[in-house]
């Protein structure tokens, strides 16, 4: 009986694209007459889904709100930076880690540049997002899901 050759694991970036972009500056132009000491709130999320055999879409979403001391919104930016990735011969936890850690790491520089560009084009000082540890975020999400599953199983 011939021996089956194990499938060689393959991973490749197929395409990077912007899925959705939004920039709002509801208080302009008067916002430009005020002192620029904003409170910046950053909400970052990632999601992935299979779109074809061995092909996955990963979407990195950021929502950034800049408010001044009087709680007036200076600007609101939302970007969905996406990528198509081919992952063959990779399954289970290894695939989940690839989609939840490696892919967002590849998308982040594009997201970061898009944020900076939109904010500057909106008339505001440059905004450089700080680096993100996607592995730590992935581990936190896994722990939270495990705690939630444990809590659900004890309440039934």
Protein backbone atom coordinates (compact mmCIF):
# COMPACT_ATOMS: atom_id res chain seq x y z
CA UNK A 1 0.00 0.00 0.00
CA UNK A 2 1.56 3.36 -0.99
CA UNK A 3 2.31 5.80 1.78
CA UNK A 4 0.25 8.99 1.79
CA UNK A 5 2.34 12.10 1.53
CA UNK A 6 1.42 14.55 4.26
CA UNK A 7 -0.06 17.82 2.99
CA UNK A 8 2.55 20.55 3.00
CA UNK A 9 1.30 23.50 5.06
CA UNK A 10 0.99 26.61 2.92
CA UNK A 11 0.09 30.14 3.91
CA UNK A 12 -0.03 33.19 1.64
CA UNK A 13 -1.47 36.67 1.53
CA UNK A 14 -3.72 36.92 -1.53
CA UNK A 15 -4.95 40.53 -1.33
CA UNK A 16 -5.22 43.49 1.06
CA UNK A 17 -8.15 45.86 0.63
CA UNK A 18 -10.21 48.48 2.39
CA UNK A 19 -13.70 47.17 3.08
CA UNK A 20 -15.20 50.27 4.72
CA UNK A 21 -13.98 53.78 5.61
CA UNK A 22 -15.76 56.53 7.50
CA UNK A 23 -14.53 59.92 8.74
CA UNK A 24 -16.75 62.41 10.52
CA UNK A 25 -15.96 65.79 12.02
CA UNK A 26 -19.37 66.95 13.23
CA UNK A 27 -18.16 70.14 14.94
CA UNK A 28 -15.96 71.49 12.14
CA UNK A 29 -15.02 74.21 11.43
CA UNK A 30 -15.53 75.60 14.96
CA UNK A 31 -13.60 72.67 16.46
CA UNK A 32 -10.42 74.12 14.93
CA UNK A 33 -10.73 77.26 17.08
CA UNK A 34 -10.50 75.26 20.33
CA UNK A 35 -7.44 74.05 22.24
CA UNK A 36 -6.30 70.66 20.92
CA UNK A 37 -6.12 68.41 23.98
CA UNK A 38 -8.25 65.47 22.89
CA UNK A 39 -9.23 62.33 24.71
CA UNK A 40 -8.70 59.56 22.17
CA UNK A 41 -10.67 56.32 22.46
CA UNK A 42 -9.58 53.40 20.28
CA UNK A 43 -11.71 50.29 19.79
CA UNK A 44 -9.98 47.53 17.81
CA UNK A 45 -11.57 44.25 16.71
CA UNK A 46 -10.76 41.41 14.37
CA UNK A 47 -12.91 38.76 12.73
CA UNK A 48 -12.36 36.07 10.16
CA UNK A 49 -14.44 33.79 7.98
CA UNK A 50 -13.90 31.16 5.34
CA UNK A 51 -14.83 32.44 1.88
CA UNK A 52 -13.73 29.46 -0.24
CA UNK A 53 -11.71 26.27 0.12
CA UNK A 54 -8.54 27.20 2.02
CA UNK A 55 -9.28 30.93 1.61
CA UNK A 56 -10.16 33.18 4.52
CA UNK A 57 -11.11 36.81 4.88
CA UNK A 58 -9.73 38.57 7.94
CA UNK A 59 -11.10 42.02 8.80
CA UNK A 60 -9.35 44.32 11.24
CA UNK A 61 -11.74 47.07 12.40
CA UNK A 62 -10.82 50.20 14.29
CA UNK A 63 -13.10 52.93 15.59
CA UNK A 64 -11.38 56.02 16.94
CA UNK A 65 -13.19 58.85 18.68
CA UNK A 66 -11.44 62.11 19.60
CA UNK A 67 -13.28 64.28 22.08
CA UNK A 68 -12.29 67.59 23.60
CA UNK A 69 -12.59 68.48 27.28
CA UNK A 70 -16.18 69.69 26.86
CA UNK A 71 -17.04 66.19 25.54
CA UNK A 72 -17.47 67.59 22.03
CA UNK A 73 -16.54 65.11 19.30
CA UNK A 74 -13.66 66.44 17.21
CA UNK A 75 -13.62 63.46 14.87
CA UNK A 76 -14.72 59.88 14.50
CA UNK A 77 -12.86 57.45 12.23
CA UNK A 78 -13.89 53.91 11.40
CA UNK A 79 -11.90 51.68 9.09
CA UNK A 80 -12.38 48.03 8.13
CA UNK A 81 -9.04 46.86 6.72
CA UNK A 82 -9.36 43.41 5.19
CA UNK A 83 -7.24 40.74 3.62
CA UNK A 84 -7.69 37.47 1.80
CA UNK A 85 -5.39 34.72 2.98
CA UNK A 86 -4.77 31.22 1.66
CA UNK A 87 -4.12 28.62 4.35
CA UNK A 88 -3.73 25.03 3.16
CA UNK A 89 -2.88 22.07 5.38
CA UNK A 90 -3.43 24.16 8.52
CA UNK A 91 -6.31 23.28 10.83
CA UNK A 92 -7.74 23.63 14.31
CA UNK A 93 -5.94 25.77 16.86
CA UNK A 94 -3.05 26.45 14.51
CA UNK A 95 -5.47 27.92 11.92
CA UNK A 96 -7.31 29.97 14.57
CA UNK A 97 -3.98 31.42 15.76
CA UNK A 98 -2.94 32.21 12.19
CA UNK A 99 -6.22 34.04 11.52
CA UNK A 100 -6.30 35.74 14.93
CA UNK A 101 -2.64 36.73 15.31
CA UNK A 102 -0.54 36.56 12.12
CA UNK A 103 -3.15 37.96 9.71
CA UNK A 104 -4.08 40.99 11.87
CA UNK A 105 -0.33 41.68 12.29
CA UNK A 106 -0.03 41.83 8.50
CA UNK A 107 -3.07 44.11 8.14
CA UNK A 108 -2.22 46.53 10.96
CA UNK A 109 0.35 48.70 9.09
CA UNK A 110 -2.23 49.35 6.35
CA UNK A 111 -4.89 50.21 8.93
CA UNK A 112 -2.47 52.48 10.78
CA UNK A 113 -1.57 54.38 7.60
CA UNK A 114 -5.24 54.76 6.61
CA UNK A 115 -6.10 56.22 10.04
CA UNK A 116 -3.24 58.71 9.90
CA UNK A 117 -4.10 59.76 6.35
CA UNK A 118 -7.80 60.32 7.09
CA UNK A 119 -7.13 62.28 10.27
CA UNK A 120 -4.59 64.56 8.55
CA UNK A 121 -6.89 65.08 5.54
CA UNK A 122 -9.61 66.01 8.04
CA UNK A 123 -7.43 68.92 9.21
CA UNK A 124 -6.23 67.39 12.48
CA UNK A 125 -2.72 66.60 13.75
CA UNK A 126 -1.32 63.22 12.69
CA UNK A 127 -2.47 60.24 14.73
CA UNK A 128 -0.12 57.27 14.84
CA UNK A 129 -1.70 54.20 16.39
CA UNK A 130 0.53 52.45 18.89
CA UNK A 131 1.70 48.92 18.05
CA UNK A 132 -0.73 46.18 19.03
CA UNK A 133 0.13 42.80 20.53
CA UNK A 134 -2.37 40.63 18.67
CA UNK A 135 -1.11 37.50 20.41
CA UNK A 136 -2.00 38.96 23.82
CA UNK A 137 -5.44 40.04 22.52
CA UNK A 138 -6.01 36.56 21.09
CA UNK A 139 -5.07 34.91 24.42
CA UNK A 140 -7.37 37.29 26.34
CA UNK A 141 -10.27 36.49 24.01
CA UNK A 142 -9.63 32.74 24.38
CA UNK A 143 -9.57 33.03 28.19
CA UNK A 144 -12.75 35.12 28.22
CA UNK A 145 -14.51 32.58 25.98
CA UNK A 146 -13.38 29.72 28.25
CA UNK A 147 -14.65 31.56 31.35
CA UNK A 148 -17.96 32.29 29.62
CA UNK A 149 -18.35 28.65 28.57
CA UNK A 150 -17.54 27.51 32.12
CA UNK A 151 -20.05 29.94 33.59
CA UNK A 152 -22.72 28.81 31.14
CA UNK A 153 -22.14 25.13 31.96
CA UNK A 154 -22.40 25.74 35.72
CA UNK A 155 -25.66 27.67 35.47
CA UNK A 156 -27.57 24.92 33.64
